[in-house]
């Protein structure tokens, strides 16, 4: 499995880089639930945004 980072830039300037083998991606890279991935990302982003305040 590759560990090359996936980068996403948002209009609010928040950038997120995640390795494909990271716990955040979980089993989504192997055909797992994208809904579960979306939920993990939303929770992760909420923590990051709160920490940045």
PDB file of N, CA and C in Angstrom:
ATOM      1  N   UNK A   1       0.850  -1.175   0.000  1.00  0.00           N
ATOM      2  CA  UNK A   1       0.000   0.000   0.000  1.00  0.00           C
ATOM      3  C   UNK A   1       0.896   1.239   0.000  1.00  0.00           C
ATOM      4  N   UNK A   2       0.526   2.217  -0.759  1.00  0.00           N
ATOM      5  CA  UNK A   2       1.299   3.454  -0.845  1.00  0.00           C
ATOM      6  C   UNK A   2       1.031   4.351   0.354  1.00  0.00           C
ATOM      7  N   UNK A   3       2.026   5.154   0.698  1.00  0.00           N
ATOM      8  CA  UNK A   3       1.844   6.112   1.783  1.00  0.00           C
ATOM      9  C   UNK A   3       1.980   7.540   1.272  1.00  0.00           C
ATOM     10  N   UNK A   4       1.875   7.714  -0.049  1.00  0.00           N
ATOM     11  CA  UNK A   4       1.945   9.061  -0.619  1.00  0.00           C
ATOM     12  C   UNK A   4       0.782   9.890  -0.091  1.00  0.00           C
ATOM     13  N   UNK A   5       1.069  11.122   0.331  1.00  0.00           N
ATOM     14  CA  UNK A   5      -0.003  11.937   0.920  1.00  0.00           C
ATOM     15  C   UNK A   5      -1.039  12.379  -0.102  1.00  0.00           C
ATOM     16  N   UNK A   6      -2.248  12.463   0.370  1.00  0.00           N
ATOM     17  CA  UNK A   6      -3.360  13.015  -0.395  1.00  0.00           C
ATOM     18  C   UNK A   6      -3.595  14.407   0.169  1.00  0.00           C
ATOM     19  N   UNK A   7      -3.549  15.423  -0.659  1.00  0.00           N
ATOM     20  CA  UNK A   7      -3.715  16.794  -0.185  1.00  0.00           C
ATOM     21  C   UNK A   7      -5.033  17.350  -0.683  1.00  0.00           C
ATOM     22  N   UNK A   8      -5.686  18.073   0.195  1.00  0.00           N
ATOM     23  CA  UNK A   8      -6.937  18.722  -0.166  1.00  0.00           C
ATOM     24  C   UNK A   8      -6.905  20.150   0.349  1.00  0.00           C
ATOM     25  N   UNK A   9      -7.084  21.098  -0.536  1.00  0.00           N
ATOM     26  CA  UNK A   9      -7.136  22.507  -0.138  1.00  0.00           C
ATOM     27  C   UNK A   9      -8.578  22.978  -0.216  1.00  0.00           C
ATOM     28  N   UNK A  10      -8.975  23.734   0.779  1.00  0.00           N
ATOM     29  CA  UNK A  10     -10.337  24.247   0.838  1.00  0.00           C
ATOM     30  C   UNK A  10     -10.319  25.751   0.659  1.00  0.00           C
ATOM     31  N   UNK A  11     -11.448  26.341   0.296  1.00  0.00           N
ATOM     32  CA  UNK A  11     -11.516  27.794   0.148  1.00  0.00           C
ATOM     33  C   UNK A  11     -11.169  28.539   1.445  1.00  0.00           C
ATOM     34  N   UNK A  12     -11.390  27.893   2.609  1.00  0.00           N
ATOM     35  CA  UNK A  12     -11.068  28.555   3.873  1.00  0.00           C
ATOM     36  C   UNK A  12      -9.582  28.475   4.212  1.00  0.00           C
ATOM     37  N   UNK A  13      -8.785  27.874   3.322  1.00  0.00           N
ATOM     38  CA  UNK A  13      -7.341  27.827   3.501  1.00  0.00           C
ATOM     39  C   UNK A  13      -6.846  26.610   4.260  1.00  0.00           C
ATOM     40  N   UNK A  14      -7.742  25.787   4.785  1.00  0.00           N
ATOM     41  CA  UNK A  14      -7.341  24.599   5.523  1.00  0.00           C
ATOM     42  C   UNK A  14      -6.843  23.552   4.546  1.00  0.00           C
ATOM     43  N   UNK A  15      -5.628  23.065   4.759  1.00  0.00           N
ATOM     44  CA  UNK A  15      -5.088  21.988   3.946  1.00  0.00           C
ATOM     45  C   UNK A  15      -4.909  20.769   4.828  1.00  0.00           C
ATOM     46  N   UNK A  16      -5.137  19.612   4.261  1.00  0.00           N
ATOM     47  CA  UNK A  16      -5.023  18.368   4.986  1.00  0.00           C
ATOM     48  C   UNK A  16      -4.267  17.381   4.126  1.00  0.00           C
ATOM     49  N   UNK A  17      -3.215  16.794   4.682  1.00  0.00           N
ATOM     50  CA  UNK A  17      -2.462  15.758   3.983  1.00  0.00           C
ATOM     51  C   UNK A  17      -2.578  14.478   4.794  1.00  0.00           C
ATOM     52  N   UNK A  18      -2.984  13.415   4.147  1.00  0.00           N
ATOM     53  CA  UNK A  18      -3.195  12.139   4.828  1.00  0.00           C
ATOM     54  C   UNK A  18      -2.554  11.034   4.023  1.00  0.00           C
ATOM     55  N   UNK A  19      -1.777  10.177   4.684  1.00  0.00           N
ATOM     56  CA  UNK A  19      -1.211   9.009   4.021  1.00  0.00           C
ATOM     57  C   UNK A  19      -2.296   7.979   3.773  1.00  0.00           C
ATOM     58  N   UNK A  20      -2.241   7.318   2.639  1.00  0.00           N
ATOM     59  CA  UNK A  20      -3.266   6.351   2.273  1.00  0.00           C
ATOM     60  C   UNK A  20      -3.325   5.195   3.272  1.00  0.00           C
ATOM     61  N   UNK A  21      -2.245   4.893   3.935  1.00  0.00           N
ATOM     62  CA  UNK A  21      -2.233   3.814   4.917  1.00  0.00           C
ATOM     63  C   UNK A  21      -2.592   4.270   6.312  1.00  0.00           C
ATOM     64  N   UNK A  22      -3.044   5.494   6.460  1.00  0.00           N
ATOM     65  CA  UNK A  22      -3.320   6.037   7.792  1.00  0.00           C
ATOM     66  C   UNK A  22      -4.639   5.513   8.362  1.00  0.00           C
ATOM     67  N   UNK A  23      -4.790   5.574   9.692  1.00  0.00           N
ATOM     68  CA  UNK A  23      -6.049   5.158  10.312  1.00  0.00           C
ATOM     69  C   UNK A  23      -7.237   5.989   9.835  1.00  0.00           C
ATOM     70  N   UNK A  24      -6.999   7.223   9.435  1.00  0.00           N
ATOM     71  CA  UNK A  24      -8.091   8.059   8.954  1.00  0.00           C
ATOM     72  C   UNK A  24      -8.729   7.459   7.704  1.00  0.00           C
ATOM     73  N   UNK A  25      -7.910   6.967   6.800  1.00  0.00           N
ATOM     74  CA  UNK A  25      -8.423   6.359   5.559  1.00  0.00           C
ATOM     75  C   UNK A  25      -9.063   5.004   5.861  1.00  0.00           C
ATOM     76  N   UNK A  26      -8.500   4.287   6.827  1.00  0.00           N
ATOM     77  CA  UNK A  26      -9.061   2.990   7.219  1.00  0.00           C
ATOM     78  C   UNK A  26      -9.139   2.027   6.055  1.00  0.00           C
ATOM     79  N   UNK A  27     -10.281   1.370   5.905  1.00  0.00           N
ATOM     80  CA  UNK A  27     -10.430   0.375   4.848  1.00  0.00           C
ATOM     81  C   UNK A  27     -10.973   0.956   3.545  1.00  0.00           C
ATOM     82  N   UNK A  28     -11.167   2.276   3.484  1.00  0.00           N
ATOM     83  CA  UNK A  28     -11.724   2.895   2.280  1.00  0.00           C
ATOM     84  C   UNK A  28     -10.837   2.675   1.059  1.00  0.00           C
ATOM     85  N   UNK A  29      -9.522   2.620   1.256  1.00  0.00           N
ATOM     86  CA  UNK A  29      -8.603   2.418   0.132  1.00  0.00           C
ATOM     87  C   UNK A  29      -8.719   1.019  -0.453  1.00  0.00           C
ATOM     88  N   UNK A  30      -9.270   0.101   0.318  1.00  0.00           N
ATOM     89  CA  UNK A  30      -9.440  -1.280  -0.148  1.00  0.00           C
ATOM     90  C   UNK A  30     -10.889  -1.600  -0.505  1.00  0.00           C
ATOM     91  N   UNK A  31     -11.675  -0.572  -0.793  1.00  0.00           N
ATOM     92  CA  UNK A  31     -13.059  -0.788  -1.183  1.00  0.00           C
ATOM     93  C   UNK A  31     -14.039  -0.731  -0.025  1.00  0.00           C
ATOM     94  N   UNK A  32     -13.581  -0.252   1.118  1.00  0.00           N
ATOM     95  CA  UNK A  32     -14.461  -0.139   2.283  1.00  0.00           C
ATOM     96  C   UNK A  32     -15.470   0.989   2.128  1.00  0.00           C
ATOM     97  N   UNK A  33     -16.159   1.257   3.186  1.00  0.00           N
ATOM     98  CA  UNK A  33     -17.242   2.230   3.180  1.00  0.00           C
ATOM     99  C   UNK A  33     -16.739   3.668   3.041  1.00  0.00           C
ATOM    100  N   UNK A  34     -17.175   4.333   1.988  1.00  0.00           N
ATOM    101  CA  UNK A  34     -16.828   5.737   1.819  1.00  0.00           C
ATOM    102  C   UNK A  34     -17.624   6.610   2.780  1.00  0.00           C
ATOM    103  N   UNK A  35     -18.775   6.153   3.192  1.00  0.00           N
ATOM    104  CA  UNK A  35     -19.558   6.895   4.191  1.00  0.00           C
ATOM    105  C   UNK A  35     -18.815   6.926   5.514  1.00  0.00           C
ATOM    106  N   UNK A  36     -18.218   5.814   5.897  1.00  0.00           N
ATOM    107  CA  UNK A  36     -17.430   5.765   7.130  1.00  0.00           C
ATOM    108  C   UNK A  36     -16.210   6.677   7.012  1.00  0.00           C
ATOM    109  N   UNK A  37     -15.572   6.699   5.838  1.00  0.00           N
ATOM    110  CA  UNK A  37     -14.443   7.598   5.609  1.00  0.00           C
ATOM    111  C   UNK A  37     -14.891   9.048   5.753  1.00  0.00           C
ATOM    112  N   UNK A  38     -16.003   9.396   5.155  1.00  0.00           N
ATOM    113  CA  UNK A  38     -16.524  10.761   5.234  1.00  0.00           C
ATOM    114  C   UNK A  38     -16.783  11.153   6.690  1.00  0.00           C
ATOM    115  N   UNK A  39     -17.355  10.236   7.469  1.00  0.00           N
ATOM    116  CA  UNK A  39     -17.617  10.517   8.882  1.00  0.00           C
ATOM    117  C   UNK A  39     -16.320  10.724   9.667  1.00  0.00           C
ATOM    118  N   UNK A  40     -15.306   9.879   9.401  1.00  0.00           N
ATOM    119  CA  UNK A  40     -14.009  10.034  10.089  1.00  0.00           C
ATOM    120  C   UNK A  40     -13.371  11.368   9.733  1.00  0.00           C
ATOM    121  N   UNK A  41     -13.440  11.741   8.458  1.00  0.00           N
ATOM    122  CA  UNK A  41     -12.841  13.008   8.017  1.00  0.00           C
ATOM    123  C   UNK A  41     -13.559  14.190   8.662  1.00  0.00           C
ATOM    124  N   UNK A  42     -14.868  14.143   8.729  1.00  0.00           N
ATOM    125  CA  UNK A  42     -15.617  15.238   9.361  1.00  0.00           C
ATOM    126  C   UNK A  42     -15.245  15.387  10.826  1.00  0.00           C
ATOM    127  N   UNK A  43     -15.144  14.270  11.548  1.00  0.00           N
ATOM    128  CA  UNK A  43     -14.754  14.334  12.965  1.00  0.00           C
ATOM    129  C   UNK A  43     -13.330  14.853  13.115  1.00  0.00           C
ATOM    130  N   UNK A  44     -12.415  14.373  12.251  1.00  0.00           N
ATOM    131  CA  UNK A  44     -11.028  14.807  12.296  1.00  0.00           C
ATOM    132  C   UNK A  44     -10.917  16.306  12.024  1.00  0.00           C
ATOM    133  N   UNK A  45     -11.614  16.779  11.002  1.00  0.00           N
ATOM    134  CA  UNK A  45     -11.563  18.206  10.658  1.00  0.00           C
ATOM    135  C   UNK A  45     -12.115  19.068  11.777  1.00  0.00           C
ATOM    136  N   UNK A  46     -13.171  18.593  12.445  1.00  0.00           N
ATOM    137  CA  UNK A  46     -13.742  19.362  13.557  1.00  0.00           C
ATOM    138  C   UNK A  46     -12.720  19.512  14.674  1.00  0.00           C
ATOM    139  N   UNK A  47     -11.971  18.456  14.959  1.00  0.00           N
ATOM    140  CA  UNK A  47     -10.935  18.526  15.996  1.00  0.00           C
ATOM    141  C   UNK A  47      -9.827  19.485  15.576  1.00  0.00           C
ATOM    142  N   UNK A  48      -9.383  19.380  14.317  1.00  0.00           N
ATOM    143  CA  UNK A  48      -8.320  20.261  13.817  1.00  0.00           C
ATOM    144  C   UNK A  48      -8.755  21.716  13.844  1.00  0.00           C
ATOM    145  N   UNK A  49      -9.971  21.983  13.402  1.00  0.00           N
ATOM    146  CA  UNK A  49     -10.462  23.363  13.383  1.00  0.00           C
ATOM    147  C   UNK A  49     -10.593  23.918  14.794  1.00  0.00           C
ATOM    148  N   UNK A  50     -11.060  23.113  15.727  1.00  0.00           N
ATOM    149  CA  UNK A  50     -11.181  23.556  17.123  1.00  0.00           C
ATOM    150  C   UNK A  50      -9.801  23.828  17.726  1.00  0.00           C
ATOM    151  N   UNK A  51      -8.845  22.998  17.414  1.00  0.00           N
ATOM    152  CA  UNK A  51      -7.485  23.178  17.933  1.00  0.00           C
ATOM    153  C   UNK A  51      -6.839  24.451  17.403  1.00  0.00           C
ATOM    154  N   UNK A  52      -7.245  24.877  16.202  1.00  0.00           N
ATOM    155  CA  UNK A  52      -6.666  26.060  15.582  1.00  0.00           C
ATOM    156  C   UNK A  52      -7.245  27.361  16.079  1.00  0.00           C
ATOM    157  N   UNK A  53      -8.247  27.300  16.927  1.00  0.00           N
ATOM    158  CA  UNK A  53      -8.899  28.538  17.422  1.00  0.00           C
ATOM    159  C   UNK A  53      -8.151  29.122  18.573  1.00  0.00           C
TER     160      UNK A  53
END
